[in-house]
Protein backbone atom coordinates (compact mmCIF):
# COMPACT_ATOMS: atom_id res chain seq x y z
CA MET A 1 52.88 -127.67 162.83
CA CYS A 2 49.15 -127.42 162.88
CA GLY A 3 45.98 -129.20 164.24
CA ILE A 4 43.17 -130.25 161.92
CA VAL A 5 39.78 -131.73 162.45
CA GLY A 6 36.64 -132.78 160.36
CA VAL A 7 33.32 -133.98 161.66
CA VAL A 8 30.38 -135.49 159.88
CA GLY A 9 27.47 -135.34 162.46
CA THR A 10 23.82 -135.78 162.80
CA SER A 11 23.20 -132.19 164.45
CA LEU A 12 25.26 -128.99 164.62
CA VAL A 13 28.99 -129.80 164.55
CA ASN A 14 30.31 -126.39 165.65
CA GLN A 15 30.76 -127.10 169.30
CA ALA A 16 32.42 -130.46 168.53
CA ILE A 17 34.96 -128.69 166.15
CA PHE A 18 35.57 -126.07 168.68
CA ASP A 19 36.16 -128.47 171.51
CA ALA A 20 38.64 -130.48 169.23
CA LEU A 21 40.54 -127.42 168.19
CA THR A 22 40.86 -126.34 171.75
CA LEU A 23 42.42 -129.75 172.62
CA LEU A 24 44.76 -129.43 169.65
CA GLN A 25 45.69 -125.86 170.49
CA HIS A 26 49.23 -127.02 171.45
CA ARG A 27 49.84 -127.60 167.85
CA GLY A 28 49.37 -123.93 166.91
CA GLN A 29 48.42 -120.80 168.60
CA ASP A 30 48.86 -118.35 165.70
CA ALA A 31 45.49 -118.65 164.08
CA ALA A 32 42.32 -120.79 164.04
CA GLY A 33 39.43 -121.31 161.63
CA MET A 34 36.24 -123.35 161.05
CA VAL A 35 34.02 -123.90 158.11
CA THR A 36 30.55 -125.66 158.24
CA SER A 37 28.02 -126.44 155.57
CA HIS A 38 24.29 -125.79 155.99
CA ASN A 39 21.61 -126.25 153.35
CA GLY A 40 24.17 -125.83 150.49
CA ARG A 41 25.92 -122.76 152.03
CA LEU A 42 29.34 -122.53 153.66
CA CYS A 43 29.74 -120.70 157.04
CA LEU A 44 33.33 -119.62 157.62
CA ARG A 45 35.10 -117.96 160.43
CA LYS A 46 38.94 -117.56 160.74
CA ASP A 47 41.37 -115.13 162.11
CA ASN A 48 44.56 -114.71 164.09
CA GLY A 49 44.66 -115.75 167.65
CA PRO A 50 43.89 -118.86 169.86
CA VAL A 51 40.72 -120.71 169.45
CA SER A 52 38.96 -119.25 172.50
CA GLU A 53 39.51 -115.64 170.96
CA VAL A 54 38.79 -116.45 167.36
CA PHE A 55 35.43 -118.08 168.16
CA ARG A 56 33.01 -116.03 170.32
CA THR A 57 29.28 -116.77 170.90
CA ARG A 58 28.25 -114.51 167.94
CA HIS A 59 30.60 -116.37 165.56
CA MET A 60 29.40 -119.86 166.86
CA LYS A 61 25.82 -118.98 166.24
CA LYS A 62 26.52 -118.37 162.58
CA LEU A 63 28.45 -121.63 162.06
CA GLN A 64 25.39 -123.69 161.22
CA GLY A 65 25.44 -127.27 159.76
CA ASN A 66 26.14 -130.79 160.58
CA ILE A 67 29.42 -131.17 158.76
CA GLY A 68 32.41 -129.20 158.91
CA ILE A 69 36.24 -128.85 159.31
CA GLY A 70 38.56 -126.79 161.56
CA HIS A 71 42.28 -125.73 161.88
CA ALA A 72 44.71 -124.34 164.45
CA ARG A 73 47.74 -122.88 162.98
CA TYR A 74 51.17 -121.77 163.42
CA PRO A 75 52.96 -120.79 160.21
CA THR A 76 55.50 -123.07 158.65
CA ALA A 77 55.34 -121.28 155.27
CA GLY A 78 54.18 -117.96 154.40
CA THR A 79 53.35 -115.02 156.71
CA SER A 80 51.26 -114.77 159.94
CA SER A 81 48.63 -112.70 158.19
CA SER A 82 45.10 -113.70 159.09
CA ALA A 83 44.47 -113.98 155.28
CA GLU A 84 46.60 -117.05 155.67
CA ALA A 85 44.56 -118.67 158.34
CA GLN A 86 42.77 -121.91 157.32
CA PRO A 87 40.65 -123.31 156.12
CA PHE A 88 41.00 -122.12 152.55
CA TYR A 89 38.22 -122.15 150.08
CA VAL A 90 37.63 -122.33 146.28
CA ASN A 91 34.22 -122.23 144.73
CA SER A 92 34.91 -124.29 141.69
CA PRO A 93 34.26 -127.21 141.39
CA TYR A 94 31.44 -127.89 143.99
CA GLY A 95 32.87 -125.38 146.65
CA ILE A 96 35.84 -127.07 148.44
CA SER A 97 37.46 -126.00 151.75
CA LEU A 98 40.76 -127.39 152.91
CA ALA A 99 42.73 -127.60 156.13
CA HIS A 100 46.19 -128.80 156.12
CA ASN A 101 48.99 -129.88 158.54
CA GLY A 102 52.47 -130.22 157.12
CA ASN A 103 54.60 -128.80 154.40
CA LEU A 104 54.92 -129.42 150.71
CA THR A 105 58.38 -129.54 149.60
CA ASN A 106 57.71 -128.72 145.89
CA THR A 107 55.52 -125.82 146.44
CA LYS A 108 57.41 -123.56 144.09
CA LYS A 109 57.04 -125.94 141.11
CA LEU A 110 53.33 -126.64 142.02
CA LYS A 111 52.69 -122.85 142.14
CA GLN A 112 53.95 -122.36 138.63
CA GLU A 113 51.94 -125.33 137.45
CA VAL A 114 48.79 -124.08 139.07
CA PHE A 115 49.09 -120.74 137.39
CA GLU A 116 50.47 -121.83 133.97
CA SER A 117 48.73 -125.13 133.33
CA ASP A 118 45.75 -125.21 135.74
CA LEU A 119 44.92 -121.68 134.98
CA ARG A 120 44.21 -120.98 138.70
CA HIS A 121 45.04 -118.02 140.88
CA VAL A 122 46.81 -118.38 144.33
CA ASN A 123 46.18 -115.43 146.56
CA THR A 124 48.52 -115.98 149.42
CA THR A 125 52.11 -117.60 150.00
CA SER A 126 50.61 -120.52 151.70
CA ASP A 127 51.29 -124.00 150.50
CA SER A 128 47.99 -125.02 151.78
CA GLU A 129 46.21 -122.84 149.23
CA VAL A 130 48.40 -124.28 146.50
CA LEU A 131 47.33 -127.84 147.66
CA LEU A 132 43.64 -126.79 147.57
CA ASN A 133 43.87 -125.68 144.05
CA VAL A 134 45.67 -128.70 142.80
CA LEU A 135 42.92 -130.77 144.36
CA ALA A 136 40.34 -128.52 142.95
CA HIS A 137 41.88 -128.84 139.40
CA GLU A 138 42.03 -132.59 139.52
CA LEU A 139 38.44 -132.87 140.64
CA HIS A 140 37.38 -130.43 137.80
CA THR A 141 39.25 -132.66 135.34
CA GLU A 142 37.05 -135.57 136.38
CA GLY A 143 34.23 -133.61 134.88
CA LYS A 144 31.40 -134.87 136.83
CA LEU A 145 28.40 -132.84 137.79
CA ILE A 146 27.64 -135.18 140.71
CA PRO A 147 31.03 -136.85 141.81
CA THR A 148 30.97 -140.38 143.32
CA PRO A 149 33.61 -141.43 145.83
CA GLU A 150 35.38 -143.09 143.00
CA ASP A 151 35.65 -139.88 141.12
CA ILE A 152 37.01 -138.22 144.20
CA PHE A 153 39.69 -140.90 144.81
CA ASN A 154 40.65 -140.89 141.09
CA ALA A 155 41.26 -137.23 141.36
CA LEU A 156 43.18 -137.64 144.53
CA GLU A 157 45.48 -140.39 142.93
CA ARG A 158 46.55 -137.68 140.59
CA VAL A 159 47.10 -135.15 143.29
CA TYR A 160 49.39 -137.65 145.09
CA LYS A 161 51.46 -137.89 141.98
CA ARG A 162 51.89 -134.05 141.89
CA ILE A 163 52.63 -133.12 145.49
CA GLU A 164 55.68 -134.01 147.61
CA GLY A 165 56.32 -133.55 151.34
CA GLY A 166 54.68 -134.40 154.70
CA TYR A 167 51.03 -133.63 155.09
CA ALA A 168 47.76 -134.60 156.64
CA VAL A 169 44.62 -133.05 155.02
CA VAL A 170 40.85 -132.70 155.61
CA ALA A 171 38.81 -131.22 152.79
CA LEU A 172 35.07 -130.39 152.88
CA ILE A 173 33.43 -130.92 149.50
CA THR A 174 30.21 -128.86 149.64
CA GLY A 175 27.16 -131.16 149.61
CA TYR A 176 29.06 -134.37 149.30
CA GLY A 177 31.31 -135.09 152.44
CA ILE A 178 34.57 -134.80 153.94
CA LEU A 179 37.89 -136.09 152.42
CA ALA A 180 40.84 -137.04 154.55
CA PHE A 181 44.33 -138.17 153.39
CA ARG A 182 47.83 -138.49 154.52
CA ASP A 183 51.30 -138.45 153.08
CA PRO A 184 52.79 -141.55 151.57
CA ASP A 185 55.23 -142.03 154.42
CA GLY A 186 52.78 -141.16 157.17
CA ILE A 187 55.01 -138.32 158.51
CA ARG A 188 52.13 -136.25 159.84
CA PRO A 189 49.56 -137.95 162.04
CA LEU A 190 45.99 -138.43 161.35
CA ILE A 191 43.33 -140.47 163.09
CA TYR A 192 39.54 -141.17 162.87
CA GLY A 193 36.82 -142.34 165.17
CA SER A 194 33.05 -142.94 165.36
CA LYS A 195 30.30 -142.21 167.79
CA GLN A 196 26.83 -143.90 167.89
CA THR A 197 24.20 -141.36 168.92
CA GLU A 198 20.33 -141.53 168.98
CA THR A 199 19.95 -139.91 165.63
CA GLY A 200 22.77 -142.05 163.92
CA ILE A 201 26.47 -142.46 163.57
CA GLU A 202 28.92 -139.55 163.65
CA TYR A 203 32.66 -139.45 162.50
CA MET A 204 35.43 -137.37 163.49
CA VAL A 205 38.96 -137.24 162.00
CA ALA A 206 41.72 -135.32 163.69
CA SER A 207 45.47 -134.86 164.11
CA GLU A 208 45.63 -136.48 167.56
CA SER A 209 43.53 -139.15 169.30
CA VAL A 210 42.88 -136.74 172.32
CA ALA A 211 40.43 -134.83 170.17
CA LEU A 212 38.38 -138.00 169.64
CA ASP A 213 38.59 -139.23 173.26
CA ALA A 214 37.36 -135.89 174.60
CA GLY A 215 34.50 -135.85 172.10
CA GLY A 216 33.29 -139.23 173.13
CA PHE A 217 34.32 -140.85 169.81
CA LYS A 218 35.50 -144.42 169.69
CA ILE A 219 38.93 -144.58 167.93
CA GLU A 220 38.79 -146.55 164.81
CA ARG A 221 42.35 -146.33 163.47
CA ASP A 222 44.96 -144.08 162.14
CA ILE A 223 44.74 -143.21 158.48
CA GLN A 224 47.53 -145.18 156.82
CA PRO A 225 50.38 -143.63 154.69
CA GLY A 226 49.00 -142.77 151.24
CA GLU A 227 45.54 -143.72 152.24
CA ALA A 228 42.28 -141.65 151.76
CA ILE A 229 39.02 -141.90 153.51
CA PHE A 230 35.71 -140.16 152.33
CA PHE A 231 32.93 -139.56 154.76
CA ASP A 232 29.87 -138.77 152.79
CA VAL A 233 26.95 -136.80 153.85
CA HIS A 234 24.96 -139.96 154.31
CA HIS A 235 27.33 -141.25 156.94
CA ASN A 236 28.96 -143.84 154.67
CA VAL A 237 32.70 -144.36 154.89
CA HIS A 238 34.75 -145.00 151.68
CA VAL A 239 38.37 -146.11 151.63
CA ARG A 240 41.05 -146.25 148.99
CA GLN A 241 44.80 -146.79 149.05
CA CYS A 242 45.90 -144.07 146.74
CA THR A 243 49.61 -144.81 146.54
CA PRO A 244 51.66 -147.83 146.67
CA LYS A 245 51.62 -149.07 150.30
CA LYS A 246 54.47 -148.19 152.48
CA VAL A 247 55.21 -148.57 156.05
CA ALA A 248 54.55 -145.61 158.34
CA ARG A 249 57.50 -143.41 159.23
CA PRO A 250 56.05 -140.79 161.45
CA CYS A 251 57.98 -137.63 162.64
CA LEU A 252 59.99 -138.65 165.76
CA PHE A 253 59.64 -135.13 167.07
CA GLU A 254 55.91 -135.61 167.49
CA TYR A 255 56.70 -138.04 170.41
CA VAL A 256 59.52 -135.85 171.79
CA TYR A 257 57.71 -132.36 171.87
CA PHE A 258 54.67 -131.62 169.92
CA ALA A 259 51.96 -134.24 170.79
CA ARG A 260 50.06 -134.10 173.96
CA PRO A 261 51.16 -136.92 176.40
CA ASP A 262 47.60 -138.41 176.46
CA SER A 263 47.59 -138.93 172.64
CA VAL A 264 48.20 -142.09 170.89
CA LEU A 265 49.83 -141.65 167.41
CA ASP A 266 50.14 -144.79 164.97
CA SER A 267 49.22 -146.88 167.97
CA ILE A 268 52.18 -145.57 170.11
CA SER A 269 51.31 -143.96 173.41
CA VAL A 270 53.17 -140.55 173.55
CA TYR A 271 53.17 -140.89 177.25
CA LYS A 272 54.77 -144.30 177.27
CA ALA A 273 57.32 -143.18 174.74
CA ARG A 274 58.27 -140.25 176.98
CA MET A 275 58.52 -142.58 179.99
CA ASN A 276 61.01 -144.87 177.89
CA MET A 277 62.97 -141.76 177.02
CA GLY A 278 63.45 -140.93 180.65
CA ASP A 279 64.52 -144.52 181.45
CA ARG A 280 67.11 -144.69 178.56
CA LEU A 281 68.48 -141.30 179.41
CA ALA A 282 68.85 -142.18 182.93
CA GLU A 283 70.94 -145.28 181.97
CA LYS A 284 73.09 -143.12 179.90
CA ILE A 285 73.68 -140.84 182.85
CA ARG A 286 74.45 -143.78 184.97
CA ARG A 287 77.01 -144.96 182.47
CA GLU A 288 78.71 -141.60 181.63
CA TRP A 289 78.40 -139.75 184.93
CA LYS A 290 79.14 -142.58 187.31
CA ASP A 291 80.25 -140.34 190.23
CA HIS A 292 77.36 -137.68 189.65
CA ASP A 293 76.42 -135.41 192.52
CA ILE A 294 72.81 -134.54 191.55
CA ASP A 295 70.69 -133.61 194.49
CA VAL A 296 67.51 -133.05 192.63
CA VAL A 297 65.76 -133.55 189.20
CA ILE A 298 63.77 -130.71 188.07
CA PRO A 299 61.65 -130.81 184.70
CA ILE A 300 61.52 -127.83 182.36
CA PRO A 301 57.61 -127.68 182.03
CA ASP A 302 55.55 -129.10 180.56
CA THR A 303 56.70 -131.62 177.87
CA SER A 304 59.72 -133.01 179.79
CA ARG A 305 57.92 -133.74 182.94
CA THR A 306 57.33 -137.52 182.13
CA ALA A 307 60.90 -138.23 181.08
CA ALA A 308 62.26 -136.28 184.17
CA LEU A 309 60.13 -138.26 186.59
CA GLN A 310 61.56 -141.48 185.16
CA ILE A 311 64.98 -140.16 185.42
CA ALA A 312 64.50 -139.36 188.95
CA GLN A 313 62.93 -142.76 189.82
CA THR A 314 65.62 -144.74 187.87
CA LEU A 315 68.53 -142.86 189.54
CA ASN A 316 66.80 -142.79 192.99
CA ILE A 317 67.02 -139.04 193.19
CA PRO A 318 64.31 -136.57 194.51
CA PHE A 319 61.99 -135.29 191.76
CA ARG A 320 60.86 -131.71 192.30
CA GLU A 321 58.64 -129.04 190.51
CA GLY A 322 61.12 -126.27 190.80
CA LEU A 323 59.86 -124.18 187.89
CA VAL A 324 56.40 -122.72 187.96
CA LYS A 325 54.90 -122.14 184.53
CA ASN A 326 52.72 -119.29 183.38
CA ARG A 327 50.12 -121.00 181.30
CA TYR A 328 49.22 -117.89 179.41
CA ILE A 329 52.50 -117.61 177.62
CA GLY A 330 52.70 -119.42 174.29
CA ARG A 331 55.45 -122.02 173.27
CA THR A 332 58.74 -120.14 173.06
CA PHE A 333 59.94 -122.57 170.44
CA ILE A 334 57.59 -121.28 167.83
CA MET A 335 57.84 -117.60 168.91
CA PRO A 336 59.29 -115.24 166.18
CA GLY A 337 62.56 -113.37 166.91
CA GLN A 338 65.27 -114.12 169.56
CA GLU A 339 64.50 -111.23 171.78
CA ILE A 340 60.92 -112.13 172.03
CA ARG A 341 61.77 -115.65 172.95
CA LYS A 342 64.26 -114.55 175.54
CA LYS A 343 61.79 -112.23 177.23
CA SER A 344 59.04 -114.81 177.05
CA VAL A 345 61.09 -117.43 178.88
CA ARG A 346 61.34 -115.13 181.86
CA GLN A 347 57.71 -114.41 181.75
CA LYS A 348 56.75 -118.18 181.27
CA LEU A 349 58.83 -119.77 184.03
CA ASN A 350 59.64 -118.71 187.46
CA PRO A 351 61.90 -120.71 189.86
CA VAL A 352 60.93 -121.80 193.38
CA PRO A 353 64.24 -120.77 195.18
CA PHE A 354 63.84 -123.46 198.07
CA GLU A 355 64.26 -126.18 195.53
CA PHE A 356 67.53 -124.58 193.98
CA LYS A 357 69.46 -123.03 196.78
CA ASP A 358 72.71 -124.76 197.60
CA LYS A 359 71.88 -127.81 195.32
CA THR A 360 73.34 -129.61 192.45
CA VAL A 361 70.34 -129.54 190.10
CA LEU A 362 69.58 -131.64 186.96
CA LEU A 363 67.40 -129.79 184.58
CA VAL A 364 65.47 -132.04 182.10
CA ASP A 365 64.19 -130.58 178.77
CA ASP A 366 62.51 -132.46 175.91
CA SER A 367 64.98 -131.12 173.37
CA ILE A 368 67.43 -128.18 172.83
CA VAL A 369 66.84 -126.25 169.64
CA ARG A 370 68.11 -122.76 169.69
CA GLY A 371 69.34 -123.04 173.26
CA THR A 372 67.54 -119.80 174.15
CA THR A 373 65.28 -121.38 176.82
CA SER A 374 68.02 -123.53 178.29
CA LYS A 375 70.44 -120.53 178.72
CA GLU A 376 67.72 -118.34 180.42
CA ILE A 377 66.69 -121.08 182.72
CA ILE A 378 70.14 -121.99 183.63
CA GLU A 379 70.64 -118.36 184.53
CA MET A 380 67.51 -118.33 186.56
CA ALA A 381 68.67 -121.42 188.48
CA ARG A 382 72.03 -119.86 189.39
CA GLU A 383 70.23 -116.72 190.51
CA ALA A 384 67.94 -118.93 192.67
CA GLY A 385 70.92 -120.22 194.50
CA ALA A 386 71.89 -123.57 192.68
CA LYS A 387 75.31 -124.74 193.46
CA LYS A 388 75.74 -126.46 190.13
CA VAL A 389 73.28 -126.68 187.11
CA TYR A 390 73.40 -129.77 184.86
CA ILE A 391 71.06 -130.24 181.91
CA ALA A 392 69.67 -133.32 180.13
CA SER A 393 67.76 -133.43 176.84
CA ALA A 394 65.39 -136.15 176.10
CA ALA A 395 66.30 -135.81 172.39
CA PRO A 396 69.57 -135.89 170.57
CA GLU A 397 71.10 -132.72 169.21
CA VAL A 398 69.01 -130.94 166.70
CA ARG A 399 71.28 -130.21 163.82
CA HIS A 400 69.26 -129.99 160.66
CA PRO A 401 66.11 -128.19 159.52
CA ASN A 402 62.63 -129.77 159.37
CA VAL A 403 61.10 -129.62 155.90
CA TYR A 404 57.95 -131.53 156.73
CA GLY A 405 55.92 -129.04 158.67
CA ILE A 406 57.86 -127.99 161.83
CA ASP A 407 58.95 -124.49 161.57
CA MET A 408 62.44 -124.94 163.01
CA PRO A 409 65.09 -122.20 162.82
CA ALA A 410 67.56 -121.69 160.13
CA VAL A 411 70.45 -124.07 160.50
CA THR A 412 72.89 -121.32 161.62
CA GLU A 413 70.44 -120.59 164.50
CA LEU A 414 70.57 -124.12 165.74
CA ILE A 415 72.77 -124.19 168.83
CA ALA A 416 74.04 -127.73 167.79
CA ASN A 417 75.06 -126.56 164.43
CA ASP A 418 78.90 -127.29 163.97
CA ARG A 419 79.36 -127.68 167.70
CA ASN A 420 79.95 -130.62 170.00
CA VAL A 421 78.37 -131.22 173.29
CA ASP A 422 81.15 -129.47 175.36
CA GLU A 423 80.88 -126.34 173.08
CA ILE A 424 77.13 -126.39 173.47
CA CYS A 425 77.34 -126.92 177.28
CA GLU A 426 79.70 -123.85 177.50
CA LEU A 427 77.44 -121.65 175.40
CA ILE A 428 74.26 -122.34 177.38
CA GLY A 429 76.31 -121.90 180.72
CA ALA A 430 75.69 -125.36 182.04
CA ASP A 431 78.11 -127.26 184.33
CA LYS A 432 77.29 -130.47 182.56
CA LEU A 433 75.29 -131.41 179.61
CA ILE A 434 73.94 -134.84 178.28
CA PHE A 435 71.88 -135.68 175.14
CA GLN A 436 69.81 -138.76 174.38
CA ASP A 437 71.37 -141.10 171.87
CA LEU A 438 69.28 -141.43 168.57
CA ASP A 439 69.03 -145.20 168.74
CA ASP A 440 67.82 -144.95 172.27
CA LEU A 441 65.17 -142.39 171.19
CA ILE A 442 63.92 -144.51 168.32
CA ALA A 443 63.92 -147.51 170.74
CA ALA A 444 61.90 -145.57 173.25
CA CYS A 445 59.27 -144.89 170.77
CA VAL A 446 58.85 -148.39 169.28
CA ASP A 447 55.96 -150.35 170.84
CA GLU A 448 56.22 -153.91 169.32
CA LYS A 449 53.09 -154.94 171.26
CA HIS A 450 50.67 -152.43 169.80
CA SER A 451 52.24 -150.81 166.68
CA ASP A 452 53.84 -151.97 163.42
CA VAL A 453 55.96 -148.80 163.35
CA ARG A 454 59.67 -149.51 163.37
CA GLU A 455 61.06 -146.47 161.53
CA PHE A 456 60.57 -142.75 161.98
CA ASP A 457 61.42 -139.51 160.28
CA THR A 458 64.55 -138.53 162.01
CA SER A 459 65.79 -135.81 159.73
CA VAL A 460 66.17 -133.05 162.31
CA PHE A 461 68.72 -135.20 164.02
CA ASP A 462 70.54 -136.97 161.31
CA GLY A 463 69.89 -134.95 158.19
CA LYS A 464 68.22 -138.07 156.37
CA TYR A 465 65.17 -136.78 154.54
CA ILE A 466 62.89 -139.81 153.73
CA THR A 467 60.94 -138.44 150.85
CA GLY A 468 64.22 -138.26 148.80
CA ASP A 469 63.54 -135.06 147.09
CA ILE A 470 65.48 -132.58 149.37
CA THR A 471 68.29 -130.91 147.50
CA GLU A 472 71.02 -128.61 148.90
CA SER A 473 69.53 -125.71 146.86
CA TYR A 474 66.09 -126.32 148.75
CA LEU A 475 67.73 -126.30 152.18
CA GLN A 476 69.64 -123.09 151.21
CA GLY A 477 66.31 -121.40 150.17
CA LEU A 478 64.79 -122.67 153.58
CA GLU A 479 67.73 -121.22 155.45
CA SER A 480 67.12 -117.77 153.92
CA ALA A 481 63.29 -117.97 154.53
CA ARG A 482 63.71 -119.03 158.16
CA ASN A 483 66.51 -116.86 159.41
CA ASP A 484 65.12 -114.50 162.09
CA SER A 485 66.59 -111.43 160.45
CA LYS A 486 64.77 -112.27 157.18
CA LYS A 487 61.33 -113.43 158.28
CA SER A 488 58.38 -111.46 157.17
CA SER A 489 56.93 -109.12 159.72
CA VAL A 490 53.55 -110.09 160.95
CA GLU A 491 50.67 -108.64 158.73
CA THR A 492 47.50 -107.36 160.04
CA ALA A 493 44.29 -107.95 158.22
CA SER A 494 40.59 -107.99 159.11
CA SER A 495 38.89 -111.12 160.28
CA ASN A 496 37.06 -113.36 157.96
CA ASP A 497 33.24 -113.89 158.60
CA MET A 498 31.61 -115.00 155.31
CA MET A 499 28.70 -116.85 153.89
CA TYR A 500 29.23 -118.65 150.50
CA PRO A 501 26.43 -119.76 148.34
CA MET A 502 26.76 -123.23 146.86
């Protein structure tokens, strides 16, 4: 999962991109990058690390120009080398920079085509660089010295026919503008907005609406599945539906875990969806644990807080902040290696003994993936004096790998793999365990008043891959690549500060 942003401004855009990436930091802490265009030259800075560490004052001074794109990354494919930080760049045709959120599911085939047919070289293991070269080849095929928006869209239609998977993309075409497009099923989010300034209108496109809100941009709308928008350097907006129109089926896990609660994705409030998750999970607890003896509801910070509060209110049980979070530890879900994750849980969360001692505690989490966090927190709760420890998950059991841009573990590392609820409960050491039902989770996210979305990508819960191209051999390859014992070690490389001539 990554965060992407593009800005067409009337003055320097480096600060606007920096601010947007900071607001999208939750989508990836592995690396960050930005490229801006100034007088026909590209200014690029990217490296491993969070946004605040990658961009220092000396870097920001070099990022000149009133148009640019940015990226906050964690790796779903490839390694963690800074060489794989985005945006990626190719000089022909025109000079194209690209930032990508998602995952291409036919990368192996594309890589072969790019080398053998397109006669292009891919220098990393990233599918984003493959995508960039496919786009560059199709633009080159148009053969235009000065491309029009129609030429760009024509090329992109051919790109759509070649690539598969879930993706949201921003691409800066030097001297011409920013191209933004989204996969035909709308799996990965992308939204744009505008801002009227004294010197003219500006545009921003980003992964989540929160980046637009904080930048003072008025939300225009979500980019539709299979739709492309081109913001040219003259601040004109060009739109084309590049694939047959389909209904959006966004990733359900965005609403459960990844997106910020103050974001709105496909006109669905993430905060409201999480409130609904809490209400529906509370009703299930009421049905299945009729004689429960819960004394207090405690969220596992931060994502589950909204659902936990609703559970407490619905069941008329006290809500308490019993776990204090160290905000300087990254998300354990996306950390490499089981031992690192276990250690990080203890560094990340610390219990308030008063809220646990001699109480039956209901811990609420957004989801249970590996079970590492749950097991460690349950042990911490018992050490703090809890009489009994129950746990509730706002999401159903995660039983299948994600292939559309979330770097979930290998199937064999998913705690729900080939286990029922009682077995999972015993393994994590809880006294009771309850999961949200999938139908209830979907219903919690549907907003009939504001959004047309009625279906979602639910593959991590039910194994139904909506793109229809996922084979058993693909999943086996994914299993091998994602297994903790087989993942590539983190590479080190020098940072990337460059100036490219047009």
